[in-house]
Each structure stands twice: as C-alpha cells, then as structure tokens.
Amino acid sequence: MPPIRPAPEKRQRVPSAYNRFIKEEIQRIKASNPDITHREAFSTAAKNWAHFPHIHFGLKLDGNKQGKLDQAFAGEGPHKAHGFY
C-alpha cells in the first residue's frame, strides 16, 4: 500500500473584478440598509453587476446613455431606492 500524501496547498487566486465588485457592493448596500439580509444584499449586488456593466470597468458613457443612467440613480423607474436595481 503506497503512503498517503497530504493534499498540496492550493494557491489563493487573485479576486476577479466580479468578486471585488460584489464584496464592495454588498458592503455599500448593507451600510445604506442595515436590516437587509445578506442573501437580499447579494441578490441586489448581482443584479447591479448585470444591469450596470460600466460600474465594474470604470467606463464612461456617451451623453444619451448617461441621461438614462442618471434617471435610474434618481429613483425613476423600477429601481430599488438604495440598491441601484
């Protein structure tokens, strides 16, 4: 019977843009709404990632798209008050 070797240590990966965004977004959402559950905050953060792709890449939008984005942040439309979506 061959000797049993311990499993090799796994290297810690560098967090992806999604990982960093979700972590920061959950903190932001919970800061503005402390009573929200982690599950709800995570769901909102994931929706924000999907609906606002420029946020995680730091992209600038042209004039027409910026107007629509400003409306979303102003609370117009079907967006949550403090969670973007």
C-alpha atoms as a PDB file:
ATOM      1  CA  MET A   1       0.000   0.000   0.000  1.00  0.00           C
ATOM      2  CA  PRO A   2       1.567   3.372  -1.052  1.00  0.00           C
ATOM      3  CA  PRO A   3       1.978   6.043   1.627  1.00  0.00           C
ATOM      4  CA  ILE A   4      -0.789   8.633   1.836  1.00  0.00           C
ATOM      5  CA  ARG A   5       0.399  12.108   0.935  1.00  0.00           C
ATOM      6  CA  PRO A   6      -1.297  15.235   2.216  1.00  0.00           C
ATOM      7  CA  ALA A   7      -3.112  17.284  -0.403  1.00  0.00           C
ATOM      8  CA  PRO A   8      -0.955  20.029  -1.904  1.00  0.00           C
ATOM      9  CA  GLU A   9      -1.799  23.534  -0.756  1.00  0.00           C
ATOM     10  CA  LYS A  10      -3.989  25.435  -3.157  1.00  0.00           C
ATOM     11  CA  ARG A  11      -2.854  28.875  -4.179  1.00  0.00           C
ATOM     12  CA  GLN A  12      -5.147  31.722  -3.313  1.00  0.00           C
ATOM     13  CA  ARG A  13      -6.385  33.266  -6.544  1.00  0.00           C
ATOM     14  CA  VAL A  14      -6.460  36.992  -7.125  1.00  0.00           C
ATOM     15  CA  PRO A  15     -10.084  38.146  -6.785  1.00  0.00           C
ATOM     16  CA  SER A  16     -11.772  38.827 -10.119  1.00  0.00           C
ATOM     17  CA  ALA A  17     -13.474  42.110 -10.980  1.00  0.00           C
ATOM     18  CA  TYR A  18     -16.799  40.425 -10.172  1.00  0.00           C
ATOM     19  CA  ASN A  19     -15.542  39.251  -6.754  1.00  0.00           C
ATOM     20  CA  ARG A  20     -14.273  42.728  -5.868  1.00  0.00           C
ATOM     21  CA  PHE A  21     -17.453  44.402  -7.114  1.00  0.00           C
ATOM     22  CA  ILE A  22     -19.757  42.049  -5.187  1.00  0.00           C
ATOM     23  CA  LYS A  23     -17.783  42.463  -1.962  1.00  0.00           C
ATOM     24  CA  GLU A  24     -17.824  46.261  -2.158  1.00  0.00           C
ATOM     25  CA  GLU A  25     -21.429  46.408  -3.345  1.00  0.00           C
ATOM     26  CA  ILE A  26     -22.708  44.223  -0.506  1.00  0.00           C
ATOM     27  CA  GLN A  27     -20.935  46.470   1.988  1.00  0.00           C
ATOM     28  CA  ARG A  28     -22.435  49.576   0.355  1.00  0.00           C
ATOM     29  CA  ILE A  29     -25.941  48.086   0.287  1.00  0.00           C
ATOM     30  CA  LYS A  30     -25.766  46.929   3.911  1.00  0.00           C
ATOM     31  CA  ALA A  31     -24.433  50.336   5.003  1.00  0.00           C
ATOM     32  CA  SER A  32     -27.445  52.067   3.461  1.00  0.00           C
ATOM     33  CA  ASN A  33     -29.891  49.410   4.695  1.00  0.00           C
ATOM     34  CA  PRO A  34     -28.585  47.586   7.810  1.00  0.00           C
ATOM     35  CA  ASP A  35     -31.751  45.484   8.184  1.00  0.00           C
ATOM     36  CA  ILE A  36     -31.331  43.761   4.799  1.00  0.00           C
ATOM     37  CA  THR A  37     -30.324  40.100   4.867  1.00  0.00           C
ATOM     38  CA  HIS A  38     -27.039  39.026   3.324  1.00  0.00           C
ATOM     39  CA  ARG A  39     -28.969  36.989   0.761  1.00  0.00           C
ATOM     40  CA  GLU A  40     -31.005  40.025  -0.340  1.00  0.00           C
ATOM     41  CA  ALA A  41     -27.898  42.225  -0.432  1.00  0.00           C
ATOM     42  CA  PHE A  42     -26.050  39.639  -2.545  1.00  0.00           C
ATOM     43  CA  SER A  43     -29.005  39.337  -4.923  1.00  0.00           C
ATOM     44  CA  THR A  44     -29.182  43.119  -5.335  1.00  0.00           C
ATOM     45  CA  ALA A  45     -25.421  43.351  -5.843  1.00  0.00           C
ATOM     46  CA  ALA A  46     -25.548  40.652  -8.532  1.00  0.00           C
ATOM     47  CA  LYS A  47     -28.386  42.487 -10.298  1.00  0.00           C
ATOM     48  CA  ASN A  48     -26.370  45.706 -10.133  1.00  0.00           C
ATOM     49  CA  TRP A  49     -23.438  43.892 -11.766  1.00  0.00           C
ATOM     50  CA  ALA A  50     -25.715  42.672 -14.557  1.00  0.00           C
ATOM     51  CA  HIS A  51     -27.562  45.946 -15.151  1.00  0.00           C
ATOM     52  CA  PHE A  52     -24.722  48.429 -14.795  1.00  0.00           C
ATOM     53  CA  PRO A  53     -21.698  46.848 -16.503  1.00  0.00           C
ATOM     54  CA  HIS A  54     -19.843  50.169 -16.787  1.00  0.00           C
ATOM     55  CA  ILE A  55     -19.534  50.356 -12.994  1.00  0.00           C
ATOM     56  CA  HIS A  56     -17.103  47.477 -12.678  1.00  0.00           C
ATOM     57  CA  PHE A  57     -14.997  48.534 -15.637  1.00  0.00           C
ATOM     58  CA  GLY A  58     -14.990  52.266 -14.882  1.00  0.00           C
ATOM     59  CA  LEU A  59     -16.217  53.088 -18.381  1.00  0.00           C
ATOM     60  CA  LYS A  60     -17.617  56.443 -19.397  1.00  0.00           C
ATOM     61  CA  LEU A  61     -20.967  56.517 -21.148  1.00  0.00           C
ATOM     62  CA  ASP A  62     -21.938  58.805 -24.000  1.00  0.00           C
ATOM     63  CA  GLY A  63     -24.406  61.646 -23.411  1.00  0.00           C
ATOM     64  CA  ASN A  64     -27.579  59.732 -24.288  1.00  0.00           C
ATOM     65  CA  LYS A  65     -26.847  56.715 -22.107  1.00  0.00           C
ATOM     66  CA  GLN A  66     -25.679  58.897 -19.223  1.00  0.00           C
ATOM     67  CA  GLY A  67     -29.099  60.559 -19.089  1.00  0.00           C
ATOM     68  CA  LYS A  68     -30.811  57.204 -18.718  1.00  0.00           C
ATOM     69  CA  LEU A  69     -28.331  56.178 -16.050  1.00  0.00           C
ATOM     70  CA  ASP A  70     -28.882  59.425 -14.127  1.00  0.00           C
ATOM     71  CA  GLN A  71     -32.630  58.728 -14.115  1.00  0.00           C
ATOM     72  CA  ALA A  72     -32.007  55.296 -12.637  1.00  0.00           C
ATOM     73  CA  PHE A  73     -29.909  56.775  -9.829  1.00  0.00           C
ATOM     74  CA  ALA A  74     -32.533  59.453  -9.191  1.00  0.00           C
ATOM     75  CA  GLY A  75     -35.050  56.745  -8.326  1.00  0.00           C
ATOM     76  CA  GLU A  76     -37.079  56.944 -11.518  1.00  0.00           C
ATOM     77  CA  GLY A  77     -38.229  53.681 -12.972  1.00  0.00           C
ATOM     78  CA  PRO A  78     -38.338  50.203 -11.403  1.00  0.00           C
ATOM     79  CA  HIS A  79     -35.101  50.543  -9.442  1.00  0.00           C
ATOM     80  CA  LYS A  80     -34.640  49.946  -5.738  1.00  0.00           C
ATOM     81  CA  ALA A  81     -34.090  53.134  -3.774  1.00  0.00           C
ATOM     82  CA  HIS A  82     -30.656  52.370  -2.329  1.00  0.00           C
ATOM     83  CA  GLY A  83     -29.521  49.379  -4.350  1.00  0.00           C
ATOM     84  CA  PHE A  84     -29.458  50.710  -7.922  1.00  0.00           C
ATOM     85  CA  TYR A  85     -31.670  47.952  -9.287  1.00  0.00           C
END
